[in-house]
Amino acid sequence: MKYVYVALAFTLLAGPASAQAINLLKGDGMPKTMQEVVKEQEIEDAYKKKMKEIPDQKASSDPWGNVRSADTPKSTPSAHRSKTR
């Protein structure tokens, strides 16, 4: 009975492992015709042209960026404390 369980475990583990070897997105492996190559090149050129037409993004607007500037003096904690306790 122990061997049946071991064989069942190997069978269950072998299914997903063999499924990983199948590549469904690979295609049929046929070479591309000249028309397909030209069409893909036209699509790529049109994409690059459209990407050049898109304006650059503005710098990010940070609402807290100018709250404290570098030249603002920091207060010292000893100046605000009273000497008597």
N, C-alpha and C. Protein backbone atom coordinates (compact mmCIF):
# COMPACT_ATOMS: atom_id res chain seq x y z
N MET A 1 0.82 -1.19 0.00
CA MET A 1 0.00 0.00 0.00
C MET A 1 0.87 1.26 0.00
N LYS A 2 2.01 1.14 0.68
CA LYS A 2 2.93 2.27 0.76
C LYS A 2 3.41 2.65 -0.65
N TYR A 3 3.67 1.67 -1.48
CA TYR A 3 4.14 1.94 -2.83
C TYR A 3 3.07 2.60 -3.69
N VAL A 4 1.83 2.29 -3.42
CA VAL A 4 0.73 2.91 -4.16
C VAL A 4 0.67 4.40 -3.86
N TYR A 5 0.86 4.75 -2.59
CA TYR A 5 0.84 6.17 -2.21
C TYR A 5 2.03 6.92 -2.82
N VAL A 6 3.18 6.30 -2.83
CA VAL A 6 4.36 6.92 -3.42
C VAL A 6 4.15 7.11 -4.92
N ALA A 7 3.62 6.10 -5.60
CA ALA A 7 3.35 6.20 -7.03
C ALA A 7 2.31 7.28 -7.31
N LEU A 8 1.30 7.37 -6.46
CA LEU A 8 0.27 8.40 -6.62
C LEU A 8 0.87 9.79 -6.43
N ALA A 9 1.74 9.94 -5.45
CA ALA A 9 2.39 11.23 -5.21
C ALA A 9 3.24 11.64 -6.40
N PHE A 10 4.02 10.71 -6.94
CA PHE A 10 4.84 11.03 -8.12
C PHE A 10 3.98 11.38 -9.32
N THR A 11 2.87 10.71 -9.48
CA THR A 11 1.97 11.00 -10.60
C THR A 11 1.37 12.39 -10.45
N LEU A 12 0.97 12.74 -9.25
CA LEU A 12 0.38 14.05 -9.03
C LEU A 12 1.40 15.18 -9.20
N LEU A 13 2.63 14.92 -8.85
CA LEU A 13 3.68 15.93 -9.01
C LEU A 13 4.19 16.01 -10.44
N ALA A 14 4.09 14.95 -11.20
CA ALA A 14 4.60 14.94 -12.56
C ALA A 14 3.67 15.70 -13.52
N GLY A 15 2.40 15.79 -13.20
CA GLY A 15 1.46 16.51 -14.07
C GLY A 15 1.80 17.97 -14.23
N PRO A 16 1.92 18.74 -13.14
CA PRO A 16 2.29 20.15 -13.27
C PRO A 16 3.68 20.35 -13.84
N ALA A 17 4.60 19.44 -13.54
CA ALA A 17 5.96 19.59 -14.06
C ALA A 17 5.98 19.41 -15.57
N SER A 18 5.20 18.49 -16.09
CA SER A 18 5.18 18.30 -17.54
C SER A 18 4.41 19.42 -18.22
N ALA A 19 3.47 20.03 -17.52
CA ALA A 19 2.70 21.13 -18.11
C ALA A 19 3.56 22.38 -18.26
N GLN A 20 4.61 22.51 -17.47
CA GLN A 20 5.48 23.67 -17.58
C GLN A 20 6.30 23.63 -18.86
N ALA A 21 6.48 22.48 -19.44
CA ALA A 21 7.28 22.36 -20.65
C ALA A 21 6.52 22.78 -21.90
N ILE A 22 5.22 22.91 -21.82
CA ILE A 22 4.40 23.29 -22.97
C ILE A 22 4.38 24.81 -23.09
N ASN A 23 4.73 25.33 -24.26
CA ASN A 23 4.73 26.76 -24.50
C ASN A 23 3.63 27.06 -25.50
N LEU A 24 2.52 27.58 -25.01
CA LEU A 24 1.38 27.87 -25.88
C LEU A 24 1.55 29.17 -26.65
N LEU A 25 2.41 30.07 -26.18
CA LEU A 25 2.59 31.35 -26.84
C LEU A 25 3.70 31.35 -27.88
N LYS A 26 4.31 30.22 -28.10
CA LYS A 26 5.44 30.13 -29.01
C LYS A 26 5.04 30.39 -30.46
N GLY A 27 3.89 29.97 -30.86
CA GLY A 27 3.46 30.14 -32.23
C GLY A 27 3.71 28.88 -33.02
N ASP A 28 3.49 28.96 -34.33
CA ASP A 28 3.64 27.78 -35.16
C ASP A 28 5.04 27.62 -35.74
N GLY A 29 5.91 28.59 -35.54
CA GLY A 29 7.28 28.47 -36.00
C GLY A 29 7.47 28.75 -37.47
N MET A 30 6.46 29.27 -38.13
CA MET A 30 6.58 29.59 -39.56
C MET A 30 7.36 30.89 -39.72
N PRO A 31 8.24 30.96 -40.72
CA PRO A 31 8.95 32.22 -40.95
C PRO A 31 8.00 33.30 -41.46
N LYS A 32 8.33 34.53 -41.14
CA LYS A 32 7.48 35.65 -41.54
C LYS A 32 7.70 35.98 -43.01
N THR A 33 6.62 36.37 -43.65
CA THR A 33 6.72 36.80 -45.04
C THR A 33 7.22 38.24 -45.07
N MET A 34 7.60 38.69 -46.23
CA MET A 34 8.10 40.05 -46.38
C MET A 34 7.00 41.06 -46.06
N GLN A 35 5.75 40.73 -46.39
CA GLN A 35 4.64 41.62 -46.09
C GLN A 35 4.44 41.77 -44.58
N GLU A 36 4.59 40.68 -43.84
CA GLU A 36 4.45 40.74 -42.39
C GLU A 36 5.58 41.56 -41.76
N VAL A 37 6.78 41.43 -42.29
CA VAL A 37 7.91 42.19 -41.79
C VAL A 37 7.70 43.67 -42.04
N VAL A 38 7.24 44.02 -43.24
CA VAL A 38 7.00 45.42 -43.58
C VAL A 38 5.88 45.98 -42.72
N LYS A 39 4.82 45.21 -42.52
CA LYS A 39 3.69 45.66 -41.70
C LYS A 39 4.13 45.91 -40.25
N GLU A 40 4.94 45.00 -39.69
CA GLU A 40 5.43 45.19 -38.32
C GLU A 40 6.33 46.41 -38.22
N GLN A 41 7.14 46.66 -39.25
CA GLN A 41 8.01 47.83 -39.25
C GLN A 41 7.20 49.11 -39.31
N GLU A 42 6.12 49.12 -40.10
CA GLU A 42 5.24 50.29 -40.18
C GLU A 42 4.58 50.56 -38.83
N ILE A 43 4.15 49.50 -38.18
CA ILE A 43 3.52 49.65 -36.86
C ILE A 43 4.53 50.22 -35.86
N GLU A 44 5.74 49.71 -35.90
CA GLU A 44 6.78 50.19 -34.99
C GLU A 44 7.13 51.65 -35.26
N ASP A 45 7.22 52.03 -36.54
CA ASP A 45 7.52 53.42 -36.88
C ASP A 45 6.39 54.35 -36.45
N ALA A 46 5.15 53.92 -36.63
CA ALA A 46 4.01 54.73 -36.21
C ALA A 46 4.00 54.90 -34.70
N TYR A 47 4.34 53.86 -33.98
CA TYR A 47 4.40 53.93 -32.52
C TYR A 47 5.47 54.93 -32.07
N LYS A 48 6.65 54.84 -32.67
CA LYS A 48 7.73 55.76 -32.29
C LYS A 48 7.36 57.20 -32.62
N LYS A 49 6.67 57.42 -33.75
CA LYS A 49 6.26 58.77 -34.13
C LYS A 49 5.27 59.34 -33.12
N LYS A 50 4.31 58.52 -32.70
CA LYS A 50 3.32 58.97 -31.72
C LYS A 50 3.97 59.25 -30.36
N MET A 51 4.96 58.45 -29.99
CA MET A 51 5.63 58.67 -28.72
C MET A 51 6.39 59.99 -28.71
N LYS A 52 6.91 60.40 -29.86
CA LYS A 52 7.61 61.69 -29.95
C LYS A 52 6.64 62.86 -29.86
N GLU A 53 5.39 62.65 -30.26
CA GLU A 53 4.40 63.72 -30.22
C GLU A 53 3.87 64.00 -28.82
N ILE A 54 4.02 63.05 -27.93
CA ILE A 54 3.53 63.23 -26.56
C ILE A 54 4.43 64.22 -25.85
N PRO A 55 3.86 65.27 -25.26
CA PRO A 55 4.70 66.26 -24.56
C PRO A 55 5.29 65.67 -23.28
N ASP A 56 6.42 66.23 -22.88
CA ASP A 56 7.04 65.79 -21.64
C ASP A 56 6.17 66.20 -20.46
N GLN A 57 6.21 65.40 -19.42
CA GLN A 57 5.43 65.72 -18.24
C GLN A 57 6.07 66.87 -17.48
N LYS A 58 5.22 67.66 -16.85
CA LYS A 58 5.72 68.75 -16.03
C LYS A 58 6.36 68.17 -14.77
N ALA A 59 7.17 68.98 -14.13
CA ALA A 59 7.77 68.53 -12.89
C ALA A 59 6.66 68.30 -11.87
N SER A 60 6.87 67.33 -11.01
CA SER A 60 5.83 66.99 -10.05
C SER A 60 5.59 68.18 -9.12
N SER A 61 4.35 68.44 -8.87
CA SER A 61 4.00 69.54 -7.98
C SER A 61 3.91 69.00 -6.56
N ASP A 62 4.88 69.32 -5.77
CA ASP A 62 4.94 68.88 -4.39
C ASP A 62 4.37 69.99 -3.52
N PRO A 63 3.18 69.81 -2.96
CA PRO A 63 2.57 70.90 -2.19
C PRO A 63 3.34 71.23 -0.91
N TRP A 64 4.12 70.32 -0.39
CA TRP A 64 4.87 70.58 0.83
C TRP A 64 6.33 70.89 0.54
N GLY A 65 6.68 71.01 -0.71
CA GLY A 65 8.07 71.22 -1.07
C GLY A 65 8.63 72.55 -0.62
N ASN A 66 7.81 73.58 -0.55
CA ASN A 66 8.32 74.90 -0.18
C ASN A 66 7.86 75.33 1.22
N VAL A 67 7.42 74.43 2.03
CA VAL A 67 6.97 74.78 3.38
C VAL A 67 8.16 75.23 4.22
N ARG A 68 9.24 74.49 4.18
CA ARG A 68 10.43 74.89 4.92
C ARG A 68 11.59 74.91 3.93
N SER A 69 12.13 76.08 3.73
CA SER A 69 13.25 76.18 2.81
C SER A 69 14.55 75.97 3.56
N ALA A 70 15.64 75.90 2.84
CA ALA A 70 16.94 75.62 3.45
C ALA A 70 17.43 76.82 4.26
N ASP A 71 17.02 78.05 3.92
CA ASP A 71 17.52 79.23 4.63
C ASP A 71 16.66 79.59 5.84
N THR A 72 15.64 78.85 6.15
CA THR A 72 14.82 79.12 7.33
C THR A 72 15.60 78.70 8.57
N PRO A 73 15.78 79.62 9.52
CA PRO A 73 16.54 79.25 10.71
C PRO A 73 15.73 78.31 11.60
N LYS A 74 16.42 77.33 12.12
CA LYS A 74 15.76 76.40 13.02
C LYS A 74 15.85 76.96 14.43
N SER A 75 14.77 76.85 15.16
CA SER A 75 14.79 77.36 16.52
C SER A 75 15.53 76.38 17.41
N THR A 76 16.26 76.91 18.37
CA THR A 76 16.98 76.05 19.30
C THR A 76 16.09 75.75 20.48
N PRO A 77 16.10 74.54 20.97
CA PRO A 77 15.22 74.20 22.08
C PRO A 77 15.61 74.93 23.37
N SER A 78 16.88 75.29 23.56
CA SER A 78 17.29 75.95 24.79
C SER A 78 16.76 77.38 24.86
N ALA A 79 16.50 78.03 23.76
CA ALA A 79 16.01 79.40 23.76
C ALA A 79 14.56 79.46 24.23
N HIS A 80 13.81 78.41 24.07
CA HIS A 80 12.40 78.42 24.44
C HIS A 80 12.15 77.91 25.86
N ARG A 81 13.14 77.30 26.47
CA ARG A 81 12.96 76.77 27.81
C ARG A 81 13.19 77.87 28.84
N SER A 82 12.48 77.76 29.86
CA SER A 82 12.73 78.69 30.96
C SER A 82 13.80 78.08 31.86
N LYS A 83 14.54 78.93 32.52
CA LYS A 83 15.65 78.43 33.33
C LYS A 83 15.17 77.96 34.71
N THR A 84 14.02 78.39 35.14
CA THR A 84 13.52 77.95 36.44
C THR A 84 12.54 76.82 36.23
N ARG A 85 12.63 75.90 37.11
CA ARG A 85 11.70 74.76 37.00
C ARG A 85 10.90 74.61 38.23
